[in-house]
Protein backbone atom coordinates (compact mmCIF):
# COMPACT_ATOMS: atom_id res chain seq x y z
CA UNK A 1 0.00 0.00 0.00
CA UNK A 2 1.19 3.49 -0.89
CA UNK A 3 0.33 6.66 1.04
CA UNK A 4 -0.25 10.28 0.11
CA UNK A 5 -0.65 13.51 2.03
CA UNK A 6 -4.20 14.71 2.59
CA UNK A 7 -4.39 18.47 2.28
CA UNK A 8 -2.75 20.33 5.14
CA UNK A 9 -3.87 17.80 7.76
CA UNK A 10 -0.45 16.22 8.10
CA UNK A 11 -2.05 12.81 7.52
CA UNK A 12 -0.58 10.21 5.21
CA UNK A 13 -3.56 8.28 3.88
CA UNK A 14 -3.68 5.09 1.85
CA UNK A 15 -4.07 5.97 -1.81
CA UNK A 16 -6.68 3.22 -2.08
CA UNK A 17 -9.05 3.77 0.82
CA UNK A 18 -12.54 2.52 1.69
CA UNK A 19 -15.88 4.04 0.70
CA UNK A 20 -18.53 2.90 3.17
CA UNK A 21 -21.73 3.76 1.32
CA UNK A 22 -22.34 0.19 0.15
CA UNK A 23 -22.12 -1.27 3.65
CA UNK A 24 -24.72 1.22 4.83
CA UNK A 25 -27.46 1.07 2.23
CA UNK A 26 -28.59 1.53 -1.36
CA UNK A 27 -26.30 -1.05 -3.01
CA UNK A 28 -28.21 -4.21 -2.19
CA UNK A 29 -28.20 -6.17 1.06
CA UNK A 30 -24.95 -6.49 3.02
CA UNK A 31 -24.83 -8.37 6.32
CA UNK A 32 -22.98 -6.93 9.30
CA UNK A 33 -20.54 -9.84 9.08
CA UNK A 34 -19.74 -9.14 5.42
CA UNK A 35 -19.44 -5.43 6.05
CA UNK A 36 -17.03 -5.95 8.93
CA UNK A 37 -15.06 -8.49 6.89
CA UNK A 38 -14.67 -5.93 4.11
CA UNK A 39 -13.39 -3.32 6.55
CA UNK A 40 -10.99 -5.73 8.22
CA UNK A 41 -9.65 -6.98 4.88
CA UNK A 42 -8.98 -3.40 3.79
CA UNK A 43 -7.11 -2.53 6.96
CA UNK A 44 -5.17 -5.80 6.81
CA UNK A 45 -3.81 -4.59 3.46
CA UNK A 46 -2.84 -1.14 4.66
CA UNK A 47 -5.99 0.95 4.22
CA UNK A 48 -6.08 3.64 6.89
CA UNK A 49 -8.82 5.98 5.62
CA UNK A 50 -12.57 5.31 5.58
CA UNK A 51 -15.21 7.58 4.06
CA UNK A 52 -18.77 7.33 5.35
CA UNK A 53 -21.82 9.57 5.91
CA UNK A 54 -24.59 10.01 8.44
CA UNK A 55 -27.24 9.08 5.86
CA UNK A 56 -25.69 5.79 4.74
CA UNK A 57 -28.24 3.42 6.19
CA UNK A 58 -29.44 6.19 8.53
CA UNK A 59 -26.22 5.88 10.52
CA UNK A 60 -25.65 2.14 10.04
CA UNK A 61 -22.42 2.71 8.11
CA UNK A 62 -21.04 4.98 10.84
CA UNK A 63 -21.93 2.46 13.53
CA UNK A 64 -20.19 -0.36 11.64
CA UNK A 65 -17.11 1.83 11.34
CA UNK A 66 -17.28 2.43 15.10
CA UNK A 67 -17.06 -1.33 15.65
CA UNK A 68 -13.94 -1.49 13.49
CA UNK A 69 -12.36 1.37 15.42
CA UNK A 70 -12.91 -0.62 18.61
CA UNK A 71 -11.49 -3.82 17.15
CA UNK A 72 -8.36 -2.43 15.48
CA UNK A 73 -5.33 -0.84 17.10
CA UNK A 74 -4.13 0.98 13.95
CA UNK A 75 -4.74 4.70 13.48
CA UNK A 76 -7.69 4.81 11.09
CA UNK A 77 -8.79 8.19 9.78
CA UNK A 78 -12.55 8.48 9.32
CA UNK A 79 -14.29 11.05 7.17
CA UNK A 80 -18.04 11.45 7.49
CA UNK A 81 -20.53 13.84 5.96
CA UNK A 82 -23.42 16.05 7.03
CA UNK A 83 -26.27 17.88 5.37
CA UNK A 84 -28.29 15.26 3.54
CA UNK A 85 -30.49 14.59 6.56
CA UNK A 86 -32.19 17.89 5.79
CA UNK A 87 -35.71 17.63 4.39
CA UNK A 88 -36.04 19.71 2.36
CA UNK A 89 -32.37 19.78 1.44
CA UNK A 90 -31.85 23.50 1.03
CA UNK A 91 -29.29 26.14 1.91
CA UNK A 92 -31.36 27.52 4.78
CA UNK A 93 -30.95 24.24 6.63
CA UNK A 94 -27.17 24.61 6.81
CA UNK A 95 -27.40 26.65 9.99
CA UNK A 96 -25.55 26.40 13.29
CA UNK A 97 -28.27 24.44 15.06
CA UNK A 98 -28.60 21.78 12.39
CA UNK A 99 -24.90 21.39 11.66
CA UNK A 100 -24.14 21.05 15.36
CA UNK A 101 -26.88 18.44 15.74
CA UNK A 102 -25.55 16.45 12.78
CA UNK A 103 -22.04 16.51 14.23
CA UNK A 104 -23.25 15.38 17.65
CA UNK A 105 -25.15 12.48 16.08
CA UNK A 106 -22.10 11.35 14.11
CA UNK A 107 -19.95 11.59 17.24
CA UNK A 108 -22.35 9.21 18.96
CA UNK A 109 -22.55 6.84 15.99
CA UNK A 110 -18.77 6.69 15.60
CA UNK A 111 -18.16 6.63 19.36
CA UNK A 112 -15.43 9.27 19.18
CA UNK A 113 -14.76 12.54 20.96
CA UNK A 114 -13.95 14.43 17.75
CA UNK A 115 -14.61 13.75 14.09
CA UNK A 116 -11.43 13.43 12.05
CA UNK A 117 -12.90 15.02 8.93
CA UNK A 118 -16.42 16.34 8.38
CA UNK A 119 -17.54 17.00 4.83
CA UNK A 120 -20.56 18.98 3.73
CA UNK A 121 -22.50 16.39 1.73
CA UNK A 122 -23.00 17.81 -1.77
CA UNK A 123 -24.67 20.93 -0.40
CA UNK A 124 -26.79 23.27 -2.52
CA UNK A 125 -24.81 25.53 -4.82
CA UNK A 126 -25.67 28.61 -2.74
CA UNK A 127 -23.66 27.30 0.21
CA UNK A 128 -20.41 28.20 -1.55
CA UNK A 129 -21.52 31.84 -1.40
CA UNK A 130 -22.38 31.70 2.33
CA UNK A 131 -19.12 32.13 4.30
CA UNK A 132 -21.11 31.99 7.53
CA UNK A 133 -21.62 28.24 6.98
CA UNK A 134 -17.87 27.68 6.91
CA UNK A 135 -17.64 29.94 9.97
CA UNK A 136 -19.84 27.46 11.85
CA UNK A 137 -17.44 24.68 10.85
CA UNK A 138 -14.52 26.77 12.10
CA UNK A 139 -16.33 27.14 15.42
CA UNK A 140 -16.87 23.38 15.64
CA UNK A 141 -13.13 22.88 15.11
CA UNK A 142 -12.36 25.36 17.86
CA UNK A 143 -14.84 23.56 20.13
CA UNK A 144 -12.98 20.29 19.59
CA UNK A 145 -15.90 18.59 17.84
CA UNK A 146 -13.96 18.00 14.64
CA UNK A 147 -10.32 18.14 13.63
CA UNK A 148 -10.77 19.21 10.02
CA UNK A 149 -13.46 19.78 7.43
CA UNK A 150 -13.99 19.60 3.68
CA UNK A 151 -16.74 19.29 1.11
CA UNK A 152 -18.18 16.68 -1.21
CA UNK A 153 -19.22 18.29 -4.47
CA UNK A 154 -21.20 17.46 -7.58
CA UNK A 155 -19.61 19.93 -9.98
CA UNK A 156 -16.07 21.05 -10.73
CA UNK A 157 -17.22 24.65 -10.32
CA UNK A 158 -18.29 23.91 -6.74
CA UNK A 159 -14.90 22.39 -6.03
CA UNK A 160 -13.18 25.51 -7.35
CA UNK A 161 -15.41 27.72 -5.23
CA UNK A 162 -14.69 25.61 -2.13
CA UNK A 163 -10.97 26.32 -2.56
CA UNK A 164 -11.66 29.96 -1.66
CA UNK A 165 -12.28 28.93 1.96
CA UNK A 166 -8.84 28.61 3.51
CA UNK A 167 -9.73 25.95 6.08
CA UNK A 168 -11.24 23.52 3.59
CA UNK A 169 -8.83 20.57 3.69
CA UNK A 170 -10.40 18.24 1.15
CA UNK A 171 -12.75 18.12 -1.80
CA UNK A 172 -14.50 14.88 -2.66
CA UNK A 173 -15.49 14.66 -6.31
CA UNK A 174 -16.43 12.02 -8.86
CA UNK A 175 -13.30 11.11 -10.80
CA UNK A 176 -12.83 8.03 -12.92
CA UNK A 177 -12.14 6.94 -16.50
CA UNK A 178 -15.68 8.00 -17.45
CA UNK A 179 -15.51 11.35 -15.60
CA UNK A 180 -12.23 13.07 -16.43
CA UNK A 181 -13.00 16.77 -16.27
CA UNK A 182 -11.64 17.30 -12.72
CA UNK A 183 -8.11 16.51 -13.96
CA UNK A 184 -8.03 19.76 -15.88
CA UNK A 185 -8.16 23.14 -14.13
CA UNK A 186 -9.47 21.86 -10.81
CA UNK A 187 -6.59 19.51 -10.01
CA UNK A 188 -4.00 22.21 -10.63
CA UNK A 189 -5.85 24.67 -8.42
CA UNK A 190 -6.33 22.15 -5.62
CA UNK A 191 -2.60 21.37 -5.62
CA UNK A 192 -1.82 25.08 -5.50
CA UNK A 193 -4.07 25.46 -2.44
CA UNK A 194 -2.74 22.24 -0.88
CA UNK A 195 -6.25 20.78 -0.70
CA UNK A 196 -6.64 17.01 -0.81
CA UNK A 197 -8.84 15.28 -3.36
CA UNK A 198 -10.95 12.22 -2.58
CA UNK A 199 -11.97 10.44 -5.78
CA UNK A 200 -15.49 9.16 -5.23
CA UNK A 201 -17.45 6.71 -7.39
CA UNK A 202 -14.06 5.57 -8.76
CA UNK A 203 -15.52 2.51 -10.51
CA UNK A 204 -18.49 4.36 -12.05
CA UNK A 205 -21.04 2.59 -9.85
CA UNK A 206 -19.50 -0.75 -10.70
CA UNK A 207 -19.35 -0.35 -14.48
CA UNK A 208 -15.56 -0.21 -14.37
CA UNK A 209 -15.36 -3.36 -12.27
CA UNK A 210 -15.80 -5.35 -15.48
CA UNK A 211 -18.26 -7.68 -13.78
CA UNK A 212 -21.46 -6.29 -15.29
CA UNK A 213 -23.26 -7.33 -18.45
CA UNK A 214 -26.44 -6.24 -20.20
CA UNK A 215 -28.23 -8.93 -18.20
CA UNK A 216 -27.04 -7.65 -14.82
CA UNK A 217 -29.96 -7.20 -12.43
CA UNK A 218 -29.72 -5.14 -9.27
CA UNK A 219 -31.40 -5.97 -5.94
CA UNK A 220 -34.67 -4.13 -5.26
CA UNK A 221 -33.09 -1.71 -2.77
CA UNK A 222 -30.17 -0.83 -5.08
CA UNK A 223 -30.29 2.79 -6.26
CA UNK A 224 -28.86 1.80 -9.64
CA UNK A 225 -32.26 0.38 -10.61
CA UNK A 226 -33.53 3.93 -10.97
CA UNK A 227 -30.61 5.62 -12.65
CA UNK A 228 -29.35 3.38 -15.44
CA UNK A 229 -30.04 6.12 -17.98
CA UNK A 230 -29.59 9.20 -15.79
CA UNK A 231 -33.30 9.69 -15.43
CA UNK A 232 -33.69 10.08 -11.67
CA UNK A 233 -32.63 12.35 -8.83
CA UNK A 234 -28.87 11.89 -9.00
CA UNK A 235 -28.49 12.39 -12.74
CA UNK A 236 -24.83 12.15 -13.54
CA UNK A 237 -23.72 10.23 -10.45
CA UNK A 238 -24.88 6.69 -11.17
CA UNK A 239 -22.62 5.17 -13.85
CA UNK A 240 -21.01 8.64 -13.99
CA UNK A 241 -23.87 9.86 -16.15
CA UNK A 242 -23.16 7.37 -18.92
CA UNK A 243 -26.00 5.25 -20.26
CA UNK A 244 -25.55 1.74 -18.84
CA UNK A 245 -25.38 -0.07 -22.17
CA UNK A 246 -23.07 2.51 -23.72
CA UNK A 247 -20.85 2.19 -20.67
CA UNK A 248 -20.67 -1.57 -21.09
CA UNK A 249 -19.52 -1.13 -24.69
CA UNK A 250 -16.80 1.29 -23.59
CA UNK A 251 -15.66 -1.14 -20.90
CA UNK A 252 -15.06 -3.80 -23.55
CA UNK A 253 -12.70 -1.41 -25.31
CA UNK A 254 -10.73 -1.00 -22.07
CA UNK A 255 -10.18 -4.70 -21.42
CA UNK A 256 -7.23 -5.11 -23.81
CA UNK A 257 -5.34 -2.44 -21.86
CA UNK A 258 -5.51 -4.26 -18.50
CA UNK A 259 -2.03 -5.49 -17.44
CA UNK A 260 -1.55 -9.25 -17.06
CA UNK A 261 -2.59 -10.45 -13.63
CA UNK A 262 -4.69 -7.37 -12.86
CA UNK A 263 -8.45 -6.99 -12.83
CA UNK A 264 -10.28 -4.28 -14.73
CA UNK A 265 -11.26 -2.73 -11.39
CA UNK A 266 -7.64 -2.57 -10.26
CA UNK A 267 -6.68 -1.08 -13.62
CA UNK A 268 -9.38 1.60 -13.30
CA UNK A 269 -8.25 2.46 -9.77
CA UNK A 270 -4.60 2.59 -10.83
CA UNK A 271 -5.57 5.01 -13.60
CA UNK A 272 -6.89 7.40 -10.94
CA UNK A 273 -3.63 7.18 -9.01
CA UNK A 274 -1.69 8.34 -12.08
CA UNK A 275 -2.85 11.84 -11.09
CA UNK A 276 -0.74 13.10 -8.20
CA UNK A 277 -3.35 15.66 -7.15
CA UNK A 278 -5.53 12.78 -5.91
CA UNK A 279 -5.02 11.93 -2.24
CA UNK A 280 -6.98 8.71 -2.44
CA UNK A 281 -9.64 6.80 -4.32
CA UNK A 282 -12.47 5.45 -2.19
CA UNK A 283 -13.98 2.34 -3.82
CA UNK A 284 -16.69 0.51 -1.93
CA UNK A 285 -16.74 -3.18 -1.11
CA UNK A 286 -19.47 -5.49 0.15
CA UNK A 287 -17.25 -8.34 1.32
CA UNK A 288 -13.67 -9.12 2.24
CA UNK A 289 -12.67 -10.45 -1.17
CA UNK A 290 -13.75 -7.29 -2.99
CA UNK A 291 -11.99 -5.11 -0.43
CA UNK A 292 -8.75 -7.07 -0.66
CA UNK A 293 -8.77 -6.93 -4.45
CA UNK A 294 -9.36 -3.18 -4.44
CA UNK A 295 -6.45 -2.57 -2.08
CA UNK A 296 -4.04 -4.38 -4.39
CA UNK A 297 -4.49 -1.63 -6.99
CA UNK A 298 -2.15 0.53 -4.93
CA UNK A 299 0.80 -1.71 -5.78
CA UNK A 300 0.27 -1.97 -9.53
CA UNK A 301 3.02 -0.49 -11.67
CA UNK A 302 2.30 2.91 -13.22
CA UNK A 303 0.31 2.62 -16.42
CA UNK A 304 2.30 3.17 -19.63
CA UNK A 305 1.88 6.41 -21.54
CA UNK A 306 0.31 4.55 -24.45
CA UNK A 307 -2.44 3.15 -22.21
CA UNK A 308 -3.12 6.59 -20.74
CA UNK A 309 -3.37 8.06 -24.23
CA UNK A 310 -5.72 5.32 -25.42
CA UNK A 311 -7.96 5.79 -22.40
CA UNK A 312 -8.16 9.49 -23.12
CA UNK A 313 -8.93 8.82 -26.77
CA UNK A 314 -11.74 6.47 -25.76
CA UNK A 315 -13.13 9.10 -23.38
CA UNK A 316 -12.96 11.82 -26.03
CA UNK A 317 -14.63 9.65 -28.65
CA UNK A 318 -17.39 7.97 -26.62
CA UNK A 319 -17.93 9.71 -23.29
CA UNK A 320 -16.89 13.37 -23.32
CA UNK A 321 -19.90 14.83 -25.10
CA UNK A 322 -22.28 13.12 -22.68
CA UNK A 323 -20.79 14.23 -19.39
CA UNK A 324 -17.81 16.59 -19.64
CA UNK A 325 -19.43 20.02 -19.55
CA UNK A 326 -22.29 18.95 -17.27
CA UNK A 327 -20.15 18.25 -14.22
């Protein structure tokens, strides 16, 4: 496992980390035993950073992470998120009372005295023009409720705007072979500001795992049932905004580039790590085997320039027009 600096936190985090959405909810059923096995397998292979949120399973993901923190002696950095419990989810809800309540709930779920990293969870666009919201986060740091804070964003423009707030330590953004726009202006600006980047949805909701076919069926409680063509609430997140069948065709063009002995998922994760602005990729896993395989991507050799160029050519030819300027 390789490690990279996360913003100005002073932390060295595993470049392949663990995204804990799937063990909370919305990706089909996962037993507690399988979820804990996935977390243990990741840590066994050097993962020391876990990303979760208060809404993943209404706190279930956070509580599972708390169990791991009790069972392991290693220093594990945990990032959680706040804001999506609001109903309606609007800028007015990002006030001191609500943010403090969200933090207190996550502290209880995670069984810690201070949150390592709190991220605003894809807040409304207006939040980036409300410095008072970031002032509340500064106060929570001063109160010892959290060590650092960052944001999870939907659009590159929101990430750029977040960089204007000097205490933002990290920006979480979708970045993968099917969503390449962040590697342009945003990555350079984040490096200049010494802000860490967490690459979320790194396998394009599983498309880049190479395990899906046109016949793949998702469990009833899996959010991908409702977003295979970008028609529902999170347009552009599921499958990175690419139509499912078109994505499958693009995946087949990637297979010849996968190094011998590697999986397509490992190849896709290693592609992300070719960008030094990225602090870590946060793939999910629903069992120990998946988690262990993901972690091995950290040790793959750098991809050759020819492979990088062919991936970009594929993106430009098949994907760019569908997603690039939207996000």
